[in-house]
Amino acid sequence: MSARRKPDVDILFAALADPARRRAVEILGQGPRRAGDLASRLGLAAPAMSRHLKVLKAAGLVVDHHPEDDARVRVYALNSPRLAELKEWLAKAEQGWTPQLGAFAAPVAKRAGR
């Protein structure tokens, strides 16, 4: 990997750093939504929602398609394989934290028992 290219997980976390984008991902977790529906639920103007969706799409977190009956509309959905990559990274990171937290908790619990 070149020094200029961000690691893949950095792109995901950068996309999720904004609260509106995280909320959009939460809403899309309930099912696909039109961009206008997302904007309305988030209280955002259409151009702002479009910018957020562009970032989420570039990170691979969401995909879009046009319904057969209306090519003017875009429907967004979560990209499950990409979310699985994020879950896998988090699980690996947690494997490193769990023993450390356990090692920290034992002396604390021992002191609390005094």
N, C-alpha and C. Protein backbone atom coordinates (compact mmCIF):
# COMPACT_ATOMS: atom_id res chain seq x y z
N MET A 1 0.84 -1.17 0.00
CA MET A 1 0.00 0.00 0.00
C MET A 1 0.89 1.23 0.00
N SER A 2 0.55 2.19 -0.83
CA SER A 2 1.35 3.41 -0.88
C SER A 2 1.11 4.24 0.37
N ALA A 3 2.05 5.11 0.68
CA ALA A 3 1.93 5.96 1.87
C ALA A 3 0.77 6.94 1.73
N ARG A 4 0.35 7.24 0.51
CA ARG A 4 -0.72 8.21 0.29
C ARG A 4 -2.10 7.60 0.40
N ARG A 5 -2.23 6.29 0.19
CA ARG A 5 -3.54 5.65 0.22
C ARG A 5 -3.93 5.34 1.66
N LYS A 6 -5.14 5.71 2.02
CA LYS A 6 -5.62 5.44 3.37
C LYS A 6 -5.93 3.95 3.50
N PRO A 7 -5.63 3.37 4.67
CA PRO A 7 -6.07 1.99 4.89
C PRO A 7 -7.59 1.91 4.75
N ASP A 8 -8.07 0.78 4.29
CA ASP A 8 -9.48 0.60 4.00
C ASP A 8 -10.38 0.95 5.18
N VAL A 9 -10.02 0.54 6.37
CA VAL A 9 -10.86 0.80 7.54
C VAL A 9 -10.91 2.30 7.84
N ASP A 10 -9.88 3.03 7.52
CA ASP A 10 -9.88 4.48 7.72
C ASP A 10 -10.97 5.15 6.88
N ILE A 11 -11.17 4.65 5.69
CA ILE A 11 -12.21 5.20 4.81
C ILE A 11 -13.59 4.97 5.42
N LEU A 12 -13.80 3.78 5.99
CA LEU A 12 -15.07 3.49 6.62
C LEU A 12 -15.32 4.39 7.83
N PHE A 13 -14.31 4.51 8.69
CA PHE A 13 -14.48 5.33 9.88
C PHE A 13 -14.62 6.81 9.52
N ALA A 14 -13.93 7.27 8.50
CA ALA A 14 -14.07 8.66 8.07
C ALA A 14 -15.49 8.92 7.59
N ALA A 15 -16.05 7.97 6.86
CA ALA A 15 -17.43 8.12 6.37
C ALA A 15 -18.42 8.13 7.52
N LEU A 16 -18.14 7.34 8.55
CA LEU A 16 -19.05 7.23 9.68
C LEU A 16 -18.79 8.28 10.77
N ALA A 17 -17.80 9.13 10.57
CA ALA A 17 -17.45 10.13 11.58
C ALA A 17 -18.54 11.19 11.74
N ASP A 18 -19.31 11.43 10.72
CA ASP A 18 -20.36 12.45 10.78
C ASP A 18 -21.64 11.86 11.37
N PRO A 19 -22.23 12.53 12.36
CA PRO A 19 -23.45 12.01 12.99
C PRO A 19 -24.62 11.81 12.02
N ALA A 20 -24.76 12.68 11.04
CA ALA A 20 -25.86 12.52 10.07
C ALA A 20 -25.65 11.27 9.23
N ARG A 21 -24.42 10.98 8.87
CA ARG A 21 -24.15 9.77 8.08
C ARG A 21 -24.37 8.52 8.93
N ARG A 22 -23.97 8.57 10.20
CA ARG A 22 -24.22 7.41 11.08
C ARG A 22 -25.72 7.18 11.23
N ARG A 23 -26.47 8.25 11.40
CA ARG A 23 -27.92 8.12 11.53
C ARG A 23 -28.53 7.59 10.24
N ALA A 24 -28.03 8.02 9.09
CA ALA A 24 -28.52 7.51 7.81
C ALA A 24 -28.28 6.01 7.72
N VAL A 25 -27.12 5.56 8.16
CA VAL A 25 -26.82 4.12 8.16
C VAL A 25 -27.78 3.38 9.09
N GLU A 26 -28.08 3.96 10.25
CA GLU A 26 -29.03 3.34 11.17
C GLU A 26 -30.41 3.21 10.53
N ILE A 27 -30.85 4.27 9.86
CA ILE A 27 -32.16 4.25 9.20
C ILE A 27 -32.17 3.21 8.08
N LEU A 28 -31.09 3.17 7.30
CA LEU A 28 -31.02 2.18 6.21
C LEU A 28 -30.94 0.76 6.75
N GLY A 29 -30.53 0.60 7.99
CA GLY A 29 -30.54 -0.72 8.62
C GLY A 29 -31.95 -1.28 8.76
N GLN A 30 -32.95 -0.40 8.71
CA GLN A 30 -34.35 -0.81 8.78
C GLN A 30 -34.90 -1.17 7.41
N GLY A 31 -34.16 -0.83 6.36
CA GLY A 31 -34.59 -1.14 5.00
C GLY A 31 -34.23 -0.03 4.04
N PRO A 32 -34.26 -0.32 2.74
CA PRO A 32 -33.92 0.68 1.72
C PRO A 32 -34.83 1.90 1.81
N ARG A 33 -34.28 3.04 1.45
CA ARG A 33 -35.02 4.30 1.49
C ARG A 33 -34.65 5.17 0.30
N ARG A 34 -35.59 5.98 -0.12
CA ARG A 34 -35.31 6.99 -1.13
C ARG A 34 -34.50 8.11 -0.47
N ALA A 35 -33.70 8.78 -1.27
CA ALA A 35 -32.87 9.86 -0.76
C ALA A 35 -33.73 10.93 -0.08
N GLY A 36 -34.86 11.26 -0.68
CA GLY A 36 -35.75 12.26 -0.11
C GLY A 36 -36.30 11.84 1.24
N ASP A 37 -36.61 10.55 1.39
CA ASP A 37 -37.10 10.04 2.68
C ASP A 37 -36.01 10.18 3.75
N LEU A 38 -34.78 9.85 3.38
CA LEU A 38 -33.68 9.99 4.33
C LEU A 38 -33.50 11.45 4.74
N ALA A 39 -33.53 12.34 3.75
CA ALA A 39 -33.36 13.77 4.04
C ALA A 39 -34.45 14.25 5.00
N SER A 40 -35.66 13.83 4.75
CA SER A 40 -36.78 14.24 5.60
C SER A 40 -36.61 13.71 7.02
N ARG A 41 -36.26 12.44 7.15
CA ARG A 41 -36.09 11.84 8.49
C ARG A 41 -34.94 12.46 9.25
N LEU A 42 -33.92 12.92 8.53
CA LEU A 42 -32.76 13.53 9.19
C LEU A 42 -32.89 15.05 9.33
N GLY A 43 -33.92 15.62 8.74
CA GLY A 43 -34.10 17.06 8.79
C GLY A 43 -33.06 17.81 7.99
N LEU A 44 -32.64 17.23 6.88
CA LEU A 44 -31.62 17.84 6.03
C LEU A 44 -32.21 18.29 4.70
N ALA A 45 -31.60 19.29 4.13
CA ALA A 45 -31.97 19.71 2.77
C ALA A 45 -31.46 18.65 1.79
N ALA A 46 -32.13 18.55 0.65
CA ALA A 46 -31.75 17.54 -0.35
C ALA A 46 -30.28 17.63 -0.76
N PRO A 47 -29.71 18.83 -1.01
CA PRO A 47 -28.30 18.88 -1.39
C PRO A 47 -27.36 18.35 -0.30
N ALA A 48 -27.68 18.63 0.96
CA ALA A 48 -26.85 18.13 2.06
C ALA A 48 -26.94 16.62 2.15
N MET A 49 -28.15 16.08 1.99
CA MET A 49 -28.32 14.63 2.02
C MET A 49 -27.57 13.98 0.88
N SER A 50 -27.61 14.61 -0.27
CA SER A 50 -26.89 14.10 -1.43
C SER A 50 -25.39 14.01 -1.17
N ARG A 51 -24.85 15.03 -0.53
CA ARG A 51 -23.42 15.02 -0.21
C ARG A 51 -23.09 13.89 0.77
N HIS A 52 -23.93 13.70 1.78
CA HIS A 52 -23.70 12.62 2.74
C HIS A 52 -23.78 11.25 2.07
N LEU A 53 -24.77 11.08 1.21
CA LEU A 53 -24.92 9.79 0.52
C LEU A 53 -23.74 9.55 -0.43
N LYS A 54 -23.22 10.59 -1.02
CA LYS A 54 -22.06 10.45 -1.90
C LYS A 54 -20.86 9.91 -1.11
N VAL A 55 -20.66 10.43 0.10
CA VAL A 55 -19.55 9.96 0.95
C VAL A 55 -19.76 8.50 1.35
N LEU A 56 -20.98 8.17 1.76
CA LEU A 56 -21.29 6.79 2.16
C LEU A 56 -21.13 5.82 0.99
N LYS A 57 -21.53 6.27 -0.18
CA LYS A 57 -21.41 5.43 -1.38
C LYS A 57 -19.94 5.26 -1.77
N ALA A 58 -19.16 6.32 -1.69
CA ALA A 58 -17.73 6.24 -2.03
C ALA A 58 -16.99 5.29 -1.08
N ALA A 59 -17.44 5.25 0.17
CA ALA A 59 -16.83 4.34 1.15
C ALA A 59 -17.33 2.91 0.97
N GLY A 60 -18.34 2.74 0.12
CA GLY A 60 -18.88 1.41 -0.12
C GLY A 60 -19.89 0.96 0.92
N LEU A 61 -20.34 1.87 1.78
CA LEU A 61 -21.28 1.50 2.82
C LEU A 61 -22.72 1.40 2.33
N VAL A 62 -23.03 2.13 1.27
CA VAL A 62 -24.37 2.07 0.69
C VAL A 62 -24.27 1.86 -0.82
N VAL A 63 -25.33 1.32 -1.35
CA VAL A 63 -25.48 1.15 -2.79
C VAL A 63 -26.81 1.81 -3.17
N ASP A 64 -26.95 2.15 -4.43
CA ASP A 64 -28.20 2.75 -4.86
C ASP A 64 -28.68 2.10 -6.15
N HIS A 65 -29.96 2.26 -6.39
CA HIS A 65 -30.55 1.80 -7.65
C HIS A 65 -31.78 2.65 -7.94
N HIS A 66 -32.22 2.59 -9.18
CA HIS A 66 -33.42 3.30 -9.60
C HIS A 66 -34.57 2.30 -9.63
N PRO A 67 -35.71 2.64 -9.04
CA PRO A 67 -36.86 1.75 -9.17
C PRO A 67 -37.28 1.66 -10.64
N GLU A 68 -37.82 0.53 -11.00
CA GLU A 68 -38.22 0.33 -12.41
C GLU A 68 -39.26 1.36 -12.87
N ASP A 69 -40.10 1.81 -11.95
CA ASP A 69 -41.19 2.70 -12.34
C ASP A 69 -40.81 4.18 -12.35
N ASP A 70 -39.60 4.54 -11.86
CA ASP A 70 -39.23 5.96 -11.83
C ASP A 70 -37.71 6.11 -11.84
N ALA A 71 -37.16 6.39 -13.00
CA ALA A 71 -35.70 6.50 -13.15
C ALA A 71 -35.15 7.78 -12.53
N ARG A 72 -36.02 8.70 -12.13
CA ARG A 72 -35.56 9.95 -11.52
C ARG A 72 -35.19 9.76 -10.05
N VAL A 73 -35.68 8.69 -9.45
CA VAL A 73 -35.52 8.46 -8.02
C VAL A 73 -34.39 7.47 -7.77
N ARG A 74 -33.65 7.69 -6.70
CA ARG A 74 -32.64 6.73 -6.27
C ARG A 74 -33.07 6.16 -4.93
N VAL A 75 -32.93 4.86 -4.82
CA VAL A 75 -33.21 4.18 -3.56
C VAL A 75 -31.88 3.67 -3.04
N TYR A 76 -31.62 3.97 -1.77
CA TYR A 76 -30.35 3.59 -1.15
C TYR A 76 -30.57 2.44 -0.18
N ALA A 77 -29.57 1.57 -0.11
CA ALA A 77 -29.60 0.42 0.81
C ALA A 77 -28.19 0.21 1.34
N LEU A 78 -28.11 -0.46 2.47
CA LEU A 78 -26.79 -0.79 3.02
C LEU A 78 -26.11 -1.81 2.15
N ASN A 79 -24.81 -1.73 2.07
CA ASN A 79 -24.00 -2.70 1.34
C ASN A 79 -23.49 -3.71 2.37
N SER A 80 -24.22 -4.80 2.53
CA SER A 80 -23.93 -5.78 3.58
C SER A 80 -22.51 -6.33 3.57
N PRO A 81 -21.93 -6.66 2.41
CA PRO A 81 -20.55 -7.16 2.44
C PRO A 81 -19.56 -6.15 3.03
N ARG A 82 -19.78 -4.88 2.75
CA ARG A 82 -18.88 -3.85 3.28
C ARG A 82 -19.05 -3.72 4.79
N LEU A 83 -20.28 -3.81 5.26
CA LEU A 83 -20.52 -3.77 6.71
C LEU A 83 -19.92 -4.98 7.39
N ALA A 84 -19.93 -6.12 6.70
CA ALA A 84 -19.32 -7.32 7.26
C ALA A 84 -17.81 -7.13 7.44
N GLU A 85 -17.19 -6.41 6.51
CA GLU A 85 -15.76 -6.11 6.65
C GLU A 85 -15.50 -5.28 7.91
N LEU A 86 -16.38 -4.31 8.16
CA LEU A 86 -16.24 -3.46 9.34
C LEU A 86 -16.43 -4.29 10.61
N LYS A 87 -17.43 -5.16 10.62
CA LYS A 87 -17.67 -6.03 11.77
C LYS A 87 -16.47 -6.94 12.03
N GLU A 88 -15.88 -7.45 10.96
CA GLU A 88 -14.71 -8.33 11.09
C GLU A 88 -13.54 -7.56 11.71
N TRP A 89 -13.32 -6.33 11.27
CA TRP A 89 -12.23 -5.53 11.82
C TRP A 89 -12.48 -5.27 13.31
N LEU A 90 -13.72 -4.93 13.66
CA LEU A 90 -14.06 -4.67 15.06
C LEU A 90 -13.88 -5.92 15.92
N ALA A 91 -14.24 -7.08 15.39
CA ALA A 91 -14.07 -8.32 16.14
C ALA A 91 -12.60 -8.61 16.40
N LYS A 92 -11.76 -8.36 15.41
CA LYS A 92 -10.32 -8.56 15.59
C LYS A 92 -9.76 -7.59 16.62
N ALA A 93 -10.21 -6.35 16.56
CA ALA A 93 -9.75 -5.35 17.52
C ALA A 93 -10.19 -5.73 18.93
N GLU A 94 -11.40 -6.24 19.06
CA GLU A 94 -11.92 -6.63 20.37
C GLU A 94 -11.12 -7.79 20.96
N GLN A 95 -10.63 -8.68 20.12
CA GLN A 95 -9.82 -9.80 20.60
C GLN A 95 -8.59 -9.29 21.34
N GLY A 96 -8.06 -8.17 20.91
CA GLY A 96 -6.91 -7.58 21.58
C GLY A 96 -7.28 -6.85 22.86
N TRP A 97 -8.48 -6.28 22.90
CA TRP A 97 -8.90 -5.53 24.08
C TRP A 97 -9.33 -6.42 25.22
N THR A 98 -10.00 -7.52 24.93
CA THR A 98 -10.60 -8.35 25.96
C THR A 98 -9.58 -8.83 26.99
N PRO A 99 -8.44 -9.40 26.58
CA PRO A 99 -7.47 -9.83 27.60
C PRO A 99 -6.91 -8.65 28.41
N GLN A 100 -6.72 -7.51 27.75
CA GLN A 100 -6.20 -6.34 28.44
C GLN A 100 -7.20 -5.83 29.47
N LEU A 101 -8.48 -5.80 29.10
CA LEU A 101 -9.49 -5.36 30.05
C LEU A 101 -9.63 -6.33 31.21
N GLY A 102 -9.52 -7.62 30.93
CA GLY A 102 -9.57 -8.62 31.99
C GLY A 102 -8.41 -8.47 32.95
N ALA A 103 -7.23 -8.22 32.42
CA ALA A 103 -6.04 -8.03 33.25
C ALA A 103 -6.18 -6.78 34.11
N PHE A 104 -6.85 -5.78 33.61
CA PHE A 104 -7.07 -4.54 34.36
C PHE A 104 -8.15 -4.75 35.43
N ALA A 105 -9.19 -5.50 35.09
CA ALA A 105 -10.34 -5.66 35.98
C ALA A 105 -9.99 -6.47 37.23
N ALA A 106 -9.10 -7.45 37.11
CA ALA A 106 -8.79 -8.32 38.26
C ALA A 106 -8.23 -7.53 39.43
N PRO A 107 -7.20 -6.70 39.27
CA PRO A 107 -6.71 -5.94 40.42
C PRO A 107 -7.73 -4.94 40.97
N VAL A 108 -8.53 -4.36 40.10
CA VAL A 108 -9.54 -3.41 40.54
C VAL A 108 -10.58 -4.13 41.41
N ALA A 109 -11.02 -5.30 40.95
CA ALA A 109 -11.98 -6.07 41.72
C ALA A 109 -11.40 -6.50 43.06
N LYS A 110 -10.13 -6.84 43.05
CA LYS A 110 -9.46 -7.27 44.29
C LYS A 110 -9.42 -6.12 45.29
N ARG A 111 -9.09 -4.91 44.82
CA ARG A 111 -9.06 -3.74 45.70
C ARG A 111 -10.45 -3.41 46.22
N ALA A 112 -11.45 -3.57 45.40
CA ALA A 112 -12.82 -3.25 45.80
C ALA A 112 -13.30 -4.20 46.89
N GLY A 113 -12.74 -5.41 46.92
CA GLY A 113 -13.12 -6.42 47.91
C GLY A 113 -12.52 -6.18 49.28
N ARG A 114 -11.59 -5.27 49.39
CA ARG A 114 -10.94 -5.00 50.69
C ARG A 114 -11.89 -4.49 51.70
